[in-house]
Amino acid sequence: LRQEIDTLRSAVPPPATVPQDTATDLTGGAKEGNSPDRITALEAERALLQEALDHQAQELARLRLRPARDNSEIRSLKRNIAKLQDRIADLHASTSWRITAPLRWITLRFGRGRR
């Protein structure tokens, strides 16, 4: 999970910083170099960064749900293991298992099981 998060972080470019000389001053007036083309480019970059941020937020939400799904799957697998263990215990407790025990011992001792 940590590796996936680090991979996602490296995929998102760092936030762009606007040089001070192209920023708008506090009174709302434009400083030199703040052309409409530059503003359009900055707005486009902001939109791309917002899209990347939204994608990262969705990915984070998906990753946060993973432990719940994993825990549910683990519980299901544990139930299946318990059922299989019960079946094995029932088999070992059966009459046919007890009756065939000498045959299994002979086969393992002198037959196919010995090499």
PDB file of N, CA and C in Angstrom:
ATOM      1  N   LEU A   1       0.835  -1.187   0.000  1.00  0.00           N
ATOM      2  CA  LEU A   1       0.000   0.000   0.000  1.00  0.00           C
ATOM      3  C   LEU A   1       0.881   1.253   0.000  1.00  0.00           C
ATOM      4  N   ARG A   2       1.913   1.245   0.843  1.00  0.00           N
ATOM      5  CA  ARG A   2       2.805   2.408   0.909  1.00  0.00           C
ATOM      6  C   ARG A   2       3.513   2.597  -0.419  1.00  0.00           C
ATOM      7  N   GLN A   3       3.904   1.484  -1.048  1.00  0.00           N
ATOM      8  CA  GLN A   3       4.589   1.582  -2.337  1.00  0.00           C
ATOM      9  C   GLN A   3       3.655   2.173  -3.397  1.00  0.00           C
ATOM     10  N   GLU A   4       2.385   1.775  -3.386  1.00  0.00           N
ATOM     11  CA  GLU A   4       1.430   2.327  -4.338  1.00  0.00           C
ATOM     12  C   GLU A   4       1.245   3.828  -4.118  1.00  0.00           C
ATOM     13  N   ILE A   5       1.177   4.243  -2.866  1.00  0.00           N
ATOM     14  CA  ILE A   5       1.012   5.660  -2.556  1.00  0.00           C
ATOM     15  C   ILE A   5       2.223   6.450  -3.038  1.00  0.00           C
ATOM     16  N   ASP A   6       3.431   5.906  -2.788  1.00  0.00           N
ATOM     17  CA  ASP A   6       4.645   6.585  -3.256  1.00  0.00           C
ATOM     18  C   ASP A   6       4.678   6.676  -4.769  1.00  0.00           C
ATOM     19  N   THR A   7       4.223   5.625  -5.451  1.00  0.00           N
ATOM     20  CA  THR A   7       4.166   5.644  -6.913  1.00  0.00           C
ATOM     21  C   THR A   7       3.205   6.714  -7.393  1.00  0.00           C
ATOM     22  N   LEU A   8       2.068   6.806  -6.734  1.00  0.00           N
ATOM     23  CA  LEU A   8       1.079   7.820  -7.118  1.00  0.00           C
ATOM     24  C   LEU A   8       1.613   9.225  -6.872  1.00  0.00           C
ATOM     25  N   ARG A   9       2.317   9.408  -5.762  1.00  0.00           N
ATOM     26  CA  ARG A   9       2.871  10.729  -5.467  1.00  0.00           C
ATOM     27  C   ARG A   9       3.898  11.137  -6.514  1.00  0.00           C
ATOM     28  N   SER A  10       4.698  10.180  -6.951  1.00  0.00           N
ATOM     29  CA  SER A  10       5.726  10.520  -7.939  1.00  0.00           C
ATOM     30  C   SER A  10       5.115  10.786  -9.306  1.00  0.00           C
ATOM     31  N   ALA A  11       3.900  10.276  -9.561  1.00  0.00           N
ATOM     32  CA  ALA A  11       3.253  10.494 -10.849  1.00  0.00           C
ATOM     33  C   ALA A  11       2.653  11.895 -10.967  1.00  0.00           C
ATOM     34  N   VAL A  12       2.379  12.524  -9.844  1.00  0.00           N
ATOM     35  CA  VAL A  12       1.777  13.865  -9.858  1.00  0.00           C
ATOM     36  C   VAL A  12       2.891  14.896  -9.837  1.00  0.00           C
ATOM     37  N   PRO A  13       2.860  15.824 -10.803  1.00  0.00           N
ATOM     38  CA  PRO A  13       3.914  16.837 -10.809  1.00  0.00           C
ATOM     39  C   PRO A  13       3.773  17.764  -9.604  1.00  0.00           C
ATOM     40  N   PRO A  14       4.889  18.337  -9.146  1.00  0.00           N
ATOM     41  CA  PRO A  14       4.798  19.257  -8.013  1.00  0.00           C
ATOM     42  C   PRO A  14       4.013  20.499  -8.428  1.00  0.00           C
ATOM     43  N   PRO A  15       3.372  21.154  -7.474  1.00  0.00           N
ATOM     44  CA  PRO A  15       2.587  22.336  -7.831  1.00  0.00           C
ATOM     45  C   PRO A  15       3.473  23.412  -8.458  1.00  0.00           C
ATOM     46  N   ALA A  16       2.914  24.016  -9.481  1.00  0.00           N
ATOM     47  CA  ALA A  16       3.661  25.066 -10.166  1.00  0.00           C
ATOM     48  C   ALA A  16       3.629  26.342  -9.340  1.00  0.00           C
ATOM     49  N   THR A  17       4.733  27.046  -9.348  1.00  0.00           N
ATOM     50  CA  THR A  17       4.770  28.328  -8.656  1.00  0.00           C
ATOM     51  C   THR A  17       4.840  29.426  -9.703  1.00  0.00           C
ATOM     52  N   VAL A  18       4.135  30.476  -9.429  1.00  0.00           N
ATOM     53  CA  VAL A  18       4.095  31.607 -10.343  1.00  0.00           C
ATOM     54  C   VAL A  18       5.160  32.597  -9.909  1.00  0.00           C
ATOM     55  N   PRO A  19       6.091  32.980 -10.800  1.00  0.00           N
ATOM     56  CA  PRO A  19       7.105  33.964 -10.423  1.00  0.00           C
ATOM     57  C   PRO A  19       6.452  35.260  -9.941  1.00  0.00           C
ATOM     58  N   GLN A  20       7.081  35.864  -8.982  1.00  0.00           N
ATOM     59  CA  GLN A  20       6.525  37.062  -8.361  1.00  0.00           C
ATOM     60  C   GLN A  20       6.279  38.180  -9.372  1.00  0.00           C
ATOM     61  N   ASP A  21       7.130  38.322 -10.387  1.00  0.00           N
ATOM     62  CA  ASP A  21       6.978  39.438 -11.325  1.00  0.00           C
ATOM     63  C   ASP A  21       5.798  39.250 -12.274  1.00  0.00           C
ATOM     64  N   THR A  22       5.205  38.052 -12.339  1.00  0.00           N
ATOM     65  CA  THR A  22       4.059  37.842 -13.217  1.00  0.00           C
ATOM     66  C   THR A  22       2.756  37.762 -12.442  1.00  0.00           C
ATOM     67  N   ALA A  23       2.841  37.841 -11.145  1.00  0.00           N
ATOM     68  CA  ALA A  23       1.639  37.738 -10.327  1.00  0.00           C
ATOM     69  C   ALA A  23       0.886  39.062 -10.304  1.00  0.00           C
ATOM     70  N   THR A  24      -0.358  38.976  -9.931  1.00  0.00           N
ATOM     71  CA  THR A  24      -1.180  40.167  -9.792  1.00  0.00           C
ATOM     72  C   THR A  24      -0.904  40.775  -8.431  1.00  0.00           C
ATOM     73  N   ASP A  25      -0.754  42.098  -8.386  1.00  0.00           N
ATOM     74  CA  ASP A  25      -0.476  42.719  -7.089  1.00  0.00           C
ATOM     75  C   ASP A  25      -1.747  42.766  -6.252  1.00  0.00           C
ATOM     76  N   LEU A  26      -1.644  43.174  -5.005  1.00  0.00           N
ATOM     77  CA  LEU A  26      -2.776  43.140  -4.074  1.00  0.00           C
ATOM     78  C   LEU A  26      -3.910  44.076  -4.463  1.00  0.00           C
ATOM     79  N   THR A  27      -3.641  45.093  -5.249  1.00  0.00           N
ATOM     80  CA  THR A  27      -4.707  46.025  -5.629  1.00  0.00           C
ATOM     81  C   THR A  27      -5.494  45.523  -6.823  1.00  0.00           C
ATOM     82  N   GLY A  28      -5.102  44.369  -7.377  1.00  0.00           N
ATOM     83  CA  GLY A  28      -5.839  43.825  -8.508  1.00  0.00           C
ATOM     84  C   GLY A  28      -5.258  44.230  -9.836  1.00  0.00           C
ATOM     85  N   GLY A  29      -4.267  45.080  -9.883  1.00  0.00           N
ATOM     86  CA  GLY A  29      -3.671  45.494 -11.141  1.00  0.00           C
ATOM     87  C   GLY A  29      -2.680  44.467 -11.616  1.00  0.00           C
ATOM     88  N   ALA A  30      -2.488  44.378 -12.906  1.00  0.00           N
ATOM     89  CA  ALA A  30      -1.569  43.398 -13.465  1.00  0.00           C
ATOM     90  C   ALA A  30      -0.175  43.979 -13.500  1.00  0.00           C
ATOM     91  N   LYS A  31       0.801  43.159 -13.150  1.00  0.00           N
ATOM     92  CA  LYS A  31       2.185  43.580 -13.281  1.00  0.00           C
ATOM     93  C   LYS A  31       2.639  43.234 -14.688  1.00  0.00           C
ATOM     94  N   GLU A  32       3.793  43.703 -15.030  1.00  0.00           N
ATOM     95  CA  GLU A  32       4.312  43.456 -16.370  1.00  0.00           C
ATOM     96  C   GLU A  32       4.468  41.957 -16.612  1.00  0.00           C
ATOM     97  N   GLY A  33       4.277  41.504 -17.873  1.00  0.00           N
ATOM     98  CA  GLY A  33       4.383  40.112 -18.233  1.00  0.00           C
ATOM     99  C   GLY A  33       3.134  39.305 -17.938  1.00  0.00           C
ATOM    100  N   ASN A  34       2.077  39.919 -17.480  1.00  0.00           N
ATOM    101  CA  ASN A  34       0.841  39.236 -17.145  1.00  0.00           C
ATOM    102  C   ASN A  34      -0.132  39.365 -18.309  1.00  0.00           C
ATOM    103  N   SER A  35       0.240  38.866 -19.451  1.00  0.00           N
ATOM    104  CA  SER A  35      -0.564  38.984 -20.658  1.00  0.00           C
ATOM    105  C   SER A  35      -1.739  38.018 -20.609  1.00  0.00           C
ATOM    106  N   PRO A  36      -2.743  38.252 -21.451  1.00  0.00           N
ATOM    107  CA  PRO A  36      -3.886  37.325 -21.508  1.00  0.00           C
ATOM    108  C   PRO A  36      -3.454  35.903 -21.852  1.00  0.00           C
ATOM    109  N   ASP A  37      -2.415  35.768 -22.694  1.00  0.00           N
ATOM    110  CA  ASP A  37      -1.920  34.423 -23.025  1.00  0.00           C
ATOM    111  C   ASP A  37      -1.346  33.736 -21.797  1.00  0.00           C
ATOM    112  N   ARG A  38      -0.616  34.492 -21.015  1.00  0.00           N
ATOM    113  CA  ARG A  38      -0.017  33.947 -19.798  1.00  0.00           C
ATOM    114  C   ARG A  38      -1.102  33.543 -18.809  1.00  0.00           C
ATOM    115  N   ILE A  39      -2.123  34.376 -18.693  1.00  0.00           N
ATOM    116  CA  ILE A  39      -3.238  34.079 -17.788  1.00  0.00           C
ATOM    117  C   ILE A  39      -3.945  32.813 -18.258  1.00  0.00           C
ATOM    118  N   THR A  40      -4.176  32.696 -19.547  1.00  0.00           N
ATOM    119  CA  THR A  40      -4.833  31.505 -20.099  1.00  0.00           C
ATOM    120  C   THR A  40      -3.994  30.257 -19.834  1.00  0.00           C
ATOM    121  N   ALA A  41      -2.679  30.378 -20.011  1.00  0.00           N
ATOM    122  CA  ALA A  41      -1.791  29.245 -19.761  1.00  0.00           C
ATOM    123  C   ALA A  41      -1.822  28.854 -18.288  1.00  0.00           C
ATOM    124  N   LEU A  42      -1.820  29.845 -17.409  1.00  0.00           N
ATOM    125  CA  LEU A  42      -1.863  29.548 -15.975  1.00  0.00           C
ATOM    126  C   LEU A  42      -3.198  28.921 -15.577  1.00  0.00           C
ATOM    127  N   GLU A  43      -4.284  29.397 -16.176  1.00  0.00           N
ATOM    128  CA  GLU A  43      -5.595  28.810 -15.881  1.00  0.00           C
ATOM    129  C   GLU A  43      -5.660  27.373 -16.386  1.00  0.00           C
ATOM    130  N   ALA A  44      -5.068  27.114 -17.550  1.00  0.00           N
ATOM    131  CA  ALA A  44      -5.030  25.749 -18.078  1.00  0.00           C
ATOM    132  C   ALA A  44      -4.202  24.850 -17.165  1.00  0.00           C
ATOM    133  N   GLU A  45      -3.077  25.359 -16.698  1.00  0.00           N
ATOM    134  CA  GLU A  45      -2.233  24.594 -15.784  1.00  0.00           C
ATOM    135  C   GLU A  45      -2.964  24.327 -14.477  1.00  0.00           C
ATOM    136  N   ARG A  46      -3.674  25.336 -13.971  1.00  0.00           N
ATOM    137  CA  ARG A  46      -4.454  25.152 -12.745  1.00  0.00           C
ATOM    138  C   ARG A  46      -5.514  24.070 -12.942  1.00  0.00           C
ATOM    139  N   ALA A  47      -6.162  24.073 -14.115  1.00  0.00           N
ATOM    140  CA  ALA A  47      -7.192  23.065 -14.396  1.00  0.00           C
ATOM    141  C   ALA A  47      -6.579  21.664 -14.428  1.00  0.00           C
ATOM    142  N   LEU A  48      -5.401  21.540 -15.039  1.00  0.00           N
ATOM    143  CA  LEU A  48      -4.730  20.242 -15.080  1.00  0.00           C
ATOM    144  C   LEU A  48      -4.332  19.775 -13.684  1.00  0.00           C
ATOM    145  N   LEU A  49      -3.830  20.705 -12.881  1.00  0.00           N
ATOM    146  CA  LEU A  49      -3.445  20.360 -11.516  1.00  0.00           C
ATOM    147  C   LEU A  49      -4.661  19.974 -10.682  1.00  0.00           C
ATOM    148  N   GLN A  50      -5.769  20.668 -10.897  1.00  0.00           N
ATOM    149  CA  GLN A  50      -6.998  20.333 -10.178  1.00  0.00           C
ATOM    150  C   GLN A  50      -7.483  18.939 -10.581  1.00  0.00           C
ATOM    151  N   GLU A  51      -7.382  18.627 -11.860  1.00  0.00           N
ATOM    152  CA  GLU A  51      -7.773  17.307 -12.343  1.00  0.00           C
ATOM    153  C   GLU A  51      -6.887  16.227 -11.719  1.00  0.00           C
ATOM    154  N   ALA A  52      -5.582  16.490 -11.657  1.00  0.00           N
ATOM    155  CA  ALA A  52      -4.660  15.538 -11.036  1.00  0.00           C
ATOM    156  C   ALA A  52      -4.978  15.385  -9.552  1.00  0.00           C
ATOM    157  N   LEU A  53      -5.293  16.478  -8.891  1.00  0.00           N
ATOM    158  CA  LEU A  53      -5.649  16.433  -7.473  1.00  0.00           C
ATOM    159  C   LEU A  53      -6.925  15.618  -7.265  1.00  0.00           C
ATOM    160  N   ASP A  54      -7.923  15.831  -8.123  1.00  0.00           N
ATOM    161  CA  ASP A  54      -9.168  15.072  -8.024  1.00  0.00           C
ATOM    162  C   ASP A  54      -8.912  13.580  -8.220  1.00  0.00           C
ATOM    163  N   HIS A  55      -8.056  13.271  -9.199  1.00  0.00           N
ATOM    164  CA  HIS A  55      -7.717  11.871  -9.449  1.00  0.00           C
ATOM    165  C   HIS A  55      -7.035  11.267  -8.223  1.00  0.00           C
ATOM    166  N   GLN A  56      -6.122  12.003  -7.633  1.00  0.00           N
ATOM    167  CA  GLN A  56      -5.421  11.510  -6.454  1.00  0.00           C
ATOM    168  C   GLN A  56      -6.378  11.311  -5.284  1.00  0.00           C
ATOM    169  N   ALA A  57      -7.352  12.209  -5.143  1.00  0.00           N
ATOM    170  CA  ALA A  57      -8.340  12.070  -4.069  1.00  0.00           C
ATOM    171  C   ALA A  57      -9.173  10.803  -4.277  1.00  0.00           C
ATOM    172  N   GLN A  58      -9.556  10.530  -5.521  1.00  0.00           N
ATOM    173  CA  GLN A  58     -10.310   9.314  -5.826  1.00  0.00           C
ATOM    174  C   GLN A  58      -9.467   8.074  -5.545  1.00  0.00           C
ATOM    175  N   GLU A  59      -8.208   8.116  -5.947  1.00  0.00           N
ATOM    176  CA  GLU A  59      -7.310   6.984  -5.717  1.00  0.00           C
ATOM    177  C   GLU A  59      -7.105   6.755  -4.222  1.00  0.00           C
ATOM    178  N   LEU A  60      -6.963   7.820  -3.466  1.00  0.00           N
ATOM    179  CA  LEU A  60      -6.805   7.707  -2.022  1.00  0.00           C
ATOM    180  C   LEU A  60      -8.053   7.076  -1.400  1.00  0.00           C
ATOM    181  N   ALA A  61      -9.219   7.501  -1.836  1.00  0.00           N
ATOM    182  CA  ALA A  61     -10.463   6.922  -1.322  1.00  0.00           C
ATOM    183  C   ALA A  61     -10.529   5.429  -1.654  1.00  0.00           C
ATOM    184  N   ARG A  62     -10.107   5.061  -2.871  1.00  0.00           N
ATOM    185  CA  ARG A  62     -10.107   3.654  -3.264  1.00  0.00           C
ATOM    186  C   ARG A  62      -9.142   2.857  -2.394  1.00  0.00           C
ATOM    187  N   LEU A  63      -7.966   3.417  -2.141  1.00  0.00           N
ATOM    188  CA  LEU A  63      -6.981   2.716  -1.322  1.00  0.00           C
ATOM    189  C   LEU A  63      -7.433   2.590   0.134  1.00  0.00           C
ATOM    190  N   ARG A  64      -8.175   3.562   0.601  1.00  0.00           N
ATOM    191  CA  ARG A  64      -8.685   3.483   1.976  1.00  0.00           C
ATOM    192  C   ARG A  64      -9.729   2.386   2.123  1.00  0.00           C
ATOM    193  N   LEU A  65     -10.432   2.055   1.037  1.00  0.00           N
ATOM    194  CA  LEU A  65     -11.441   1.002   1.088  1.00  0.00           C
ATOM    195  C   LEU A  65     -10.813  -0.389   1.021  1.00  0.00           C
ATOM    196  N   ARG A  66      -9.589  -0.479   0.507  1.00  0.00           N
ATOM    197  CA  ARG A  66      -8.940  -1.779   0.318  1.00  0.00           C
ATOM    198  C   ARG A  66      -8.832  -2.583   1.606  1.00  0.00           C
ATOM    199  N   PRO A  67      -8.410  -2.009   2.733  1.00  0.00           N
ATOM    200  CA  PRO A  67      -8.306  -2.830   3.951  1.00  0.00           C
ATOM    201  C   PRO A  67      -9.630  -3.476   4.342  1.00  0.00           C
ATOM    202  N   ALA A  68     -10.741  -2.770   4.146  1.00  0.00           N
ATOM    203  CA  ALA A  68     -12.045  -3.342   4.493  1.00  0.00           C
ATOM    204  C   ALA A  68     -12.338  -4.552   3.603  1.00  0.00           C
ATOM    205  N   ARG A  69     -12.045  -4.417   2.295  1.00  0.00           N
ATOM    206  CA  ARG A  69     -12.261  -5.540   1.377  1.00  0.00           C
ATOM    207  C   ARG A  69     -11.329  -6.691   1.731  1.00  0.00           C
ATOM    208  N   ASP A  70     -10.079  -6.365   2.031  1.00  0.00           N
ATOM    209  CA  ASP A  70      -9.111  -7.403   2.381  1.00  0.00           C
ATOM    210  C   ASP A  70      -9.525  -8.118   3.664  1.00  0.00           C
ATOM    211  N   ASN A  71      -9.982  -7.367   4.652  1.00  0.00           N
ATOM    212  CA  ASN A  71     -10.425  -7.980   5.911  1.00  0.00           C
ATOM    213  C   ASN A  71     -11.616  -8.897   5.677  1.00  0.00           C
ATOM    214  N   SER A  72     -12.527  -8.483   4.819  1.00  0.00           N
ATOM    215  CA  SER A  72     -13.682  -9.312   4.500  1.00  0.00           C
ATOM    216  C   SER A  72     -13.242 -10.600   3.815  1.00  0.00           C
ATOM    217  N   GLU A  73     -12.297 -10.493   2.899  1.00  0.00           N
ATOM    218  CA  GLU A  73     -11.793 -11.680   2.208  1.00  0.00           C
ATOM    219  C   GLU A  73     -11.057 -12.594   3.185  1.00  0.00           C
ATOM    220  N   ILE A  74     -10.297 -12.024   4.098  1.00  0.00           N
ATOM    221  CA  ILE A  74      -9.581 -12.824   5.100  1.00  0.00           C
ATOM    222  C   ILE A  74     -10.574 -13.587   5.971  1.00  0.00           C
ATOM    223  N   ARG A  75     -11.642 -12.908   6.398  1.00  0.00           N
ATOM    224  CA  ARG A  75     -12.658 -13.584   7.218  1.00  0.00           C
ATOM    225  C   ARG A  75     -13.290 -14.740   6.447  1.00  0.00           C
ATOM    226  N   SER A  76     -13.582 -14.527   5.175  1.00  0.00           N
ATOM    227  CA  SER A  76     -14.173 -15.567   4.341  1.00  0.00           C
ATOM    228  C   SER A  76     -13.222 -16.754   4.198  1.00  0.00           C
ATOM    229  N   LEU A  77     -11.955 -16.478   3.961  1.00  0.00           N
ATOM    230  CA  LEU A  77     -10.975 -17.555   3.830  1.00  0.00           C
ATOM    231  C   LEU A  77     -10.807 -18.323   5.143  1.00  0.00           C
ATOM    232  N   LYS A  78     -10.848 -17.615   6.262  1.00  0.00           N
ATOM    233  CA  LYS A  78     -10.750 -18.287   7.561  1.00  0.00           C
ATOM    234  C   LYS A  78     -11.950 -19.209   7.794  1.00  0.00           C
ATOM    235  N   ARG A  79     -13.147 -18.757   7.364  1.00  0.00           N
ATOM    236  CA  ARG A  79     -14.336 -19.619   7.484  1.00  0.00           C
ATOM    237  C   ARG A  79     -14.165 -20.877   6.636  1.00  0.00           C
ATOM    238  N   ASN A  80     -13.639 -20.704   5.413  1.00  0.00           N
ATOM    239  CA  ASN A  80     -13.419 -21.862   4.545  1.00  0.00           C
ATOM    240  C   ASN A  80     -12.398 -22.820   5.142  1.00  0.00           C
ATOM    241  N   ILE A  81     -11.339 -22.289   5.731  1.00  0.00           N
ATOM    242  CA  ILE A  81     -10.325 -23.135   6.377  1.00  0.00           C
ATOM    243  C   ILE A  81     -10.957 -23.919   7.520  1.00  0.00           C
ATOM    244  N   ALA A  82     -11.774 -23.249   8.317  1.00  0.00           N
ATOM    245  CA  ALA A  82     -12.426 -23.922   9.446  1.00  0.00           C
ATOM    246  C   ALA A  82     -13.335 -25.050   8.947  1.00  0.00           C
ATOM    247  N   LYS A  83     -14.074 -24.801   7.862  1.00  0.00           N
ATOM    248  CA  LYS A  83     -14.948 -25.842   7.297  1.00  0.00           C
ATOM    249  C   LYS A  83     -14.128 -27.033   6.817  1.00  0.00           C
ATOM    250  N   LEU A  84     -13.019 -26.764   6.140  1.00  0.00           N
ATOM    251  CA  LEU A  84     -12.178 -27.852   5.642  1.00  0.00           C
ATOM    252  C   LEU A  84     -11.536 -28.628   6.785  1.00  0.00           C
ATOM    253  N   GLN A  85     -11.130 -27.926   7.833  1.00  0.00           N
ATOM    254  CA  GLN A  85     -10.566 -28.612   8.997  1.00  0.00           C
ATOM    255  C   GLN A  85     -11.613 -29.501   9.658  1.00  0.00           C
ATOM    256  N   ASP A  86     -12.857 -29.027   9.703  1.00  0.00           N
ATOM    257  CA  ASP A  86     -13.940 -29.846  10.268  1.00  0.00           C
ATOM    258  C   ASP A  86     -14.169 -31.095   9.419  1.00  0.00           C
ATOM    259  N   ARG A  87     -14.109 -30.932   8.099  1.00  0.00           N
ATOM    260  CA  ARG A  87     -14.293 -32.090   7.215  1.00  0.00           C
ATOM    261  C   ARG A  87     -13.181 -33.107   7.418  1.00  0.00           C
ATOM    262  N   ILE A  88     -11.954 -32.643   7.569  1.00  0.00           N
ATOM    263  CA  ILE A  88     -10.826 -33.555   7.808  1.00  0.00           C
ATOM    264  C   ILE A  88     -11.007 -34.267   9.144  1.00  0.00           C
ATOM    265  N   ALA A  89     -11.410 -33.525  10.166  1.00  0.00           N
ATOM    266  CA  ALA A  89     -11.635 -34.135  11.481  1.00  0.00           C
ATOM    267  C   ALA A  89     -12.744 -35.181  11.397  1.00  0.00           C
ATOM    268  N   ASP A  90     -13.822 -34.879  10.667  1.00  0.00           N
ATOM    269  CA  ASP A  90     -14.913 -35.849  10.491  1.00  0.00           C
ATOM    270  C   ASP A  90     -14.414 -37.099   9.765  1.00  0.00           C
ATOM    271  N   LEU A  91     -13.576 -36.906   8.750  1.00  0.00           N
ATOM    272  CA  LEU A  91     -13.024 -38.044   8.009  1.00  0.00           C
ATOM    273  C   LEU A  91     -12.170 -38.910   8.925  1.00  0.00           C
ATOM    274  N   HIS A  92     -11.305 -38.300   9.712  1.00  0.00           N
ATOM    275  CA  HIS A  92     -10.449 -39.055  10.618  1.00  0.00           C
ATOM    276  C   HIS A  92     -11.250 -39.753  11.709  1.00  0.00           C
ATOM    277  N   ALA A  93     -12.392 -39.237  12.039  1.00  0.00           N
ATOM    278  CA  ALA A  93     -13.235 -39.851  13.076  1.00  0.00           C
ATOM    279  C   ALA A  93     -14.165 -40.919  12.502  1.00  0.00           C
ATOM    280  N   SER A  94     -14.192 -41.066  11.194  1.00  0.00           N
ATOM    281  CA  SER A  94     -15.132 -42.003  10.577  1.00  0.00           C
ATOM    282  C   SER A  94     -14.698 -43.450  10.781  1.00  0.00           C
ATOM    283  N   THR A  95     -15.673 -44.334  10.699  1.00  0.00           N
ATOM    284  CA  THR A  95     -15.417 -45.767  10.842  1.00  0.00           C
ATOM    285  C   THR A  95     -14.517 -46.259   9.714  1.00  0.00           C
ATOM    286  N   SER A  96     -14.767 -45.820   8.502  1.00  0.00           N
ATOM    287  CA  SER A  96     -13.970 -46.301   7.372  1.00  0.00           C
ATOM    288  C   SER A  96     -12.500 -45.899   7.518  1.00  0.00           C
ATOM    289  N   TRP A  97     -12.235 -44.742   8.093  1.00  0.00           N
ATOM    290  CA  TRP A  97     -10.845 -44.318   8.299  1.00  0.00           C
ATOM    291  C   TRP A  97     -10.153 -45.210   9.327  1.00  0.00           C
ATOM    292  N   ARG A  98     -10.886 -45.527  10.385  1.00  0.00           N
ATOM    293  CA  ARG A  98     -10.309 -46.380  11.423  1.00  0.00           C
ATOM    294  C   ARG A  98     -10.106 -47.806  10.920  1.00  0.00           C
ATOM    295  N   ILE A  99     -11.054 -48.308  10.125  1.00  0.00           N
ATOM    296  CA  ILE A  99     -10.951 -49.675   9.607  1.00  0.00           C
ATOM    297  C   ILE A  99      -9.784 -49.806   8.635  1.00  0.00           C
ATOM    298  N   THR A 100      -9.567 -48.783   7.821  1.00  0.00           N
ATOM    299  CA  THR A 100      -8.505 -48.854   6.805  1.00  0.00           C
ATOM    300  C   THR A 100      -7.141 -48.422   7.330  1.00  0.00           C
ATOM    301  N   ALA A 101      -7.030 -48.089   8.599  1.00  0.00           N
ATOM    302  CA  ALA A 101      -5.748 -47.656   9.167  1.00  0.00           C
ATOM    303  C   ALA A 101      -4.655 -48.710   8.993  1.00  0.00           C
ATOM    304  N   PRO A 102      -4.921 -50.007   9.286  1.00  0.00           N
ATOM    305  CA  PRO A 102      -3.852 -51.005   9.090  1.00  0.00           C
ATOM    306  C   PRO A 102      -3.412 -51.094   7.620  1.00  0.00           C
ATOM    307  N   LEU A 103      -4.341 -51.014   6.715  1.00  0.00           N
ATOM    308  CA  LEU A 103      -4.010 -51.068   5.288  1.00  0.00           C
ATOM    309  C   LEU A 103      -3.139 -49.878   4.890  1.00  0.00           C
ATOM    310  N   ARG A 104      -3.454 -48.702   5.390  1.00  0.00           N
ATOM    311  CA  ARG A 104      -2.635 -47.513   5.085  1.00  0.00           C
ATOM    312  C   ARG A 104      -1.235 -47.668   5.675  1.00  0.00           C
ATOM    313  N   TRP A 105      -1.160 -48.256   6.891  1.00  0.00           N
ATOM    314  CA  TRP A 105       0.142 -48.443   7.525  1.00  0.00           C
ATOM    315  C   TRP A 105       1.000 -49.414   6.714  1.00  0.00           C
ATOM    316  N   ILE A 106       0.415 -50.530   6.269  1.00  0.00           N
ATOM    317  CA  ILE A 106       1.146 -51.529   5.477  1.00  0.00           C
ATOM    318  C   ILE A 106       1.592 -50.928   4.152  1.00  0.00           C
ATOM    319  N   THR A 107       0.709 -50.184   3.518  1.00  0.00           N
ATOM    320  CA  THR A 107       1.034 -49.557   2.230  1.00  0.00           C
ATOM    321  C   THR A 107       2.180 -48.563   2.387  1.00  0.00           C
ATOM    322  N   LEU A 108       2.153 -47.785   3.437  1.00  0.00           N
ATOM    323  CA  LEU A 108       3.240 -46.817   3.654  1.00  0.00           C
ATOM    324  C   LEU A 108       4.541 -47.529   4.027  1.00  0.00           C
ATOM    325  N   ARG A 109       4.431 -48.583   4.816  1.00  0.00           N
ATOM    326  CA  ARG A 109       5.624 -49.277   5.306  1.00  0.00           C
ATOM    327  C   ARG A 109       6.299 -50.124   4.222  1.00  0.00           C
ATOM    328  N   PHE A 110       5.482 -50.849   3.443  1.00  0.00           N
ATOM    329  CA  PHE A 110       6.051 -51.824   2.506  1.00  0.00           C
ATOM    330  C   PHE A 110       5.695 -51.540   1.048  1.00  0.00           C
ATOM    331  N   GLY A 111       4.763 -50.652   0.826  1.00  0.00           N
ATOM    332  CA  GLY A 111       4.276 -50.472  -0.548  1.00  0.00           C
ATOM    333  C   GLY A 111       4.789 -49.222  -1.234  1.00  0.00           C
ATOM    334  N   ARG A 112       3.885 -48.559  -1.873  1.00  0.00           N
ATOM    335  CA  ARG A 112       4.203 -47.399  -2.700  1.00  0.00           C
ATOM    336  C   ARG A 112       4.894 -46.279  -1.935  1.00  0.00           C
ATOM    337  N   GLY A 113       4.600 -46.123  -0.673  1.00  0.00           N
ATOM    338  CA  GLY A 113       5.148 -45.011   0.087  1.00  0.00           C
ATOM    339  C   GLY A 113       6.619 -45.147   0.423  1.00  0.00           C
ATOM    340  N   ARG A 114       7.194 -46.369   0.279  1.00  0.00           N
ATOM    341  CA  ARG A 114       8.606 -46.583   0.627  1.00  0.00           C
ATOM    342  C   ARG A 114       9.453 -46.625  -0.628  1.00  0.00           C
ATOM    343  N   ARG A 115      10.475 -45.812  -0.668  1.00  0.00           N
ATOM    344  CA  ARG A 115      11.344 -45.770  -1.848  1.00  0.00           C
ATOM    345  C   ARG A 115      12.773 -45.733  -1.446  1.00  0.00           C
TER     346      ARG A 115
END
